[in-house]
Amino acid sequence: MVKFIPYEKLSKKAKRELDRKNRNTWGNVNPATRREENPKAYKRHSKHRNKDAA
């Protein structure tokens, strides 16, 4: 059985390991704020998208 040692009394190495273990990740979620495009806004790029291809 593992003895309980208070966090303050742990070694620096043990604290780092415990912190890494308890840290969470965002996974597939990007933490940057997301918002929908305004459907009424003028979309400059879509109007002339395929003109240069000809």
C-alpha atoms as a PDB file:
ATOM      1  CA  MET A   1       0.000   0.000   0.000  1.00  0.00           C
ATOM      2  CA  VAL A   2       1.291   3.437  -0.965  1.00  0.00           C
ATOM      3  CA  LYS A   3       1.652   5.900   1.902  1.00  0.00           C
ATOM      4  CA  PHE A   4      -0.026   9.293   1.590  1.00  0.00           C
ATOM      5  CA  ILE A   5       2.469  12.155   1.366  1.00  0.00           C
ATOM      6  CA  PRO A   6       1.191  15.753   1.361  1.00  0.00           C
ATOM      7  CA  TYR A   7       1.796  17.647  -1.886  1.00  0.00           C
ATOM      8  CA  GLU A   8       3.984  20.219  -0.126  1.00  0.00           C
ATOM      9  CA  LYS A   9       6.348  17.509   1.094  1.00  0.00           C
ATOM     10  CA  LEU A  10       6.749  15.775  -2.266  1.00  0.00           C
ATOM     11  CA  SER A  11       9.993  16.154  -4.168  1.00  0.00           C
ATOM     12  CA  LYS A  12      10.114  18.468  -7.171  1.00  0.00           C
ATOM     13  CA  LYS A  13      10.267  15.486  -9.521  1.00  0.00           C
ATOM     14  CA  ALA A  14       7.260  13.817  -7.871  1.00  0.00           C
ATOM     15  CA  LYS A  15       5.263  17.079  -7.986  1.00  0.00           C
ATOM     16  CA  ARG A  16       5.988  17.446 -11.701  1.00  0.00           C
ATOM     17  CA  GLU A  17       4.881  13.884 -12.391  1.00  0.00           C
ATOM     18  CA  LEU A  18       1.680  14.329 -10.370  1.00  0.00           C
ATOM     19  CA  ASP A  19       0.932  17.641 -12.127  1.00  0.00           C
ATOM     20  CA  ARG A  20       1.396  16.052 -15.559  1.00  0.00           C
ATOM     21  CA  LYS A  21      -0.920  13.220 -14.581  1.00  0.00           C
ATOM     22  CA  ASN A  22      -3.662  15.587 -13.390  1.00  0.00           C
ATOM     23  CA  ARG A  23      -3.382  17.992 -16.338  1.00  0.00           C
ATOM     24  CA  ASN A  24      -6.126  17.668 -18.962  1.00  0.00           C
ATOM     25  CA  THR A  25      -5.921  18.143 -22.712  1.00  0.00           C
ATOM     26  CA  TRP A  26      -8.376  19.714 -25.104  1.00  0.00           C
ATOM     27  CA  GLY A  27      -8.365  16.581 -27.277  1.00  0.00           C
ATOM     28  CA  ASN A  28      -9.795  17.357 -30.719  1.00  0.00           C
ATOM     29  CA  VAL A  29     -11.322  20.658 -29.590  1.00  0.00           C
ATOM     30  CA  ASN A  30      -9.568  23.868 -30.568  1.00  0.00           C
ATOM     31  CA  PRO A  31      -9.746  26.257 -27.595  1.00  0.00           C
ATOM     32  CA  ALA A  32      -9.941  29.304 -29.880  1.00  0.00           C
ATOM     33  CA  THR A  33     -13.322  31.007 -29.947  1.00  0.00           C
ATOM     34  CA  ARG A  34     -15.559  29.929 -32.810  1.00  0.00           C
ATOM     35  CA  ARG A  35     -18.506  31.749 -34.331  1.00  0.00           C
ATOM     36  CA  GLU A  36     -20.721  31.308 -37.376  1.00  0.00           C
ATOM     37  CA  GLU A  37     -20.251  33.498 -40.422  1.00  0.00           C
ATOM     38  CA  ASN A  38     -22.797  36.243 -40.922  1.00  0.00           C
ATOM     39  CA  PRO A  39     -25.064  35.038 -43.781  1.00  0.00           C
ATOM     40  CA  LYS A  40     -25.826  38.658 -44.792  1.00  0.00           C
ATOM     41  CA  ALA A  41     -22.165  39.660 -45.036  1.00  0.00           C
ATOM     42  CA  TYR A  42     -20.533  40.251 -48.431  1.00  0.00           C
ATOM     43  CA  LYS A  43     -18.256  37.340 -49.350  1.00  0.00           C
ATOM     44  CA  ARG A  44     -15.617  38.740 -51.664  1.00  0.00           C
ATOM     45  CA  HIS A  45     -13.712  35.468 -52.172  1.00  0.00           C
ATOM     46  CA  SER A  46     -16.648  33.334 -53.316  1.00  0.00           C
ATOM     47  CA  LYS A  47     -17.828  35.768 -56.012  1.00  0.00           C
ATOM     48  CA  HIS A  48     -14.696  35.518 -58.190  1.00  0.00           C
ATOM     49  CA  ARG A  49     -13.392  32.110 -57.159  1.00  0.00           C
ATOM     50  CA  ASN A  50     -13.301  30.260 -60.550  1.00  0.00           C
ATOM     51  CA  LYS A  51     -12.715  33.160 -62.984  1.00  0.00           C
ATOM     52  CA  ASP A  52      -8.930  32.615 -63.146  1.00  0.00           C
ATOM     53  CA  ALA A  53      -9.254  28.886 -63.866  1.00  0.00           C
ATOM     54  CA  ALA A  54     -10.502  29.428 -67.449  1.00  0.00           C
END
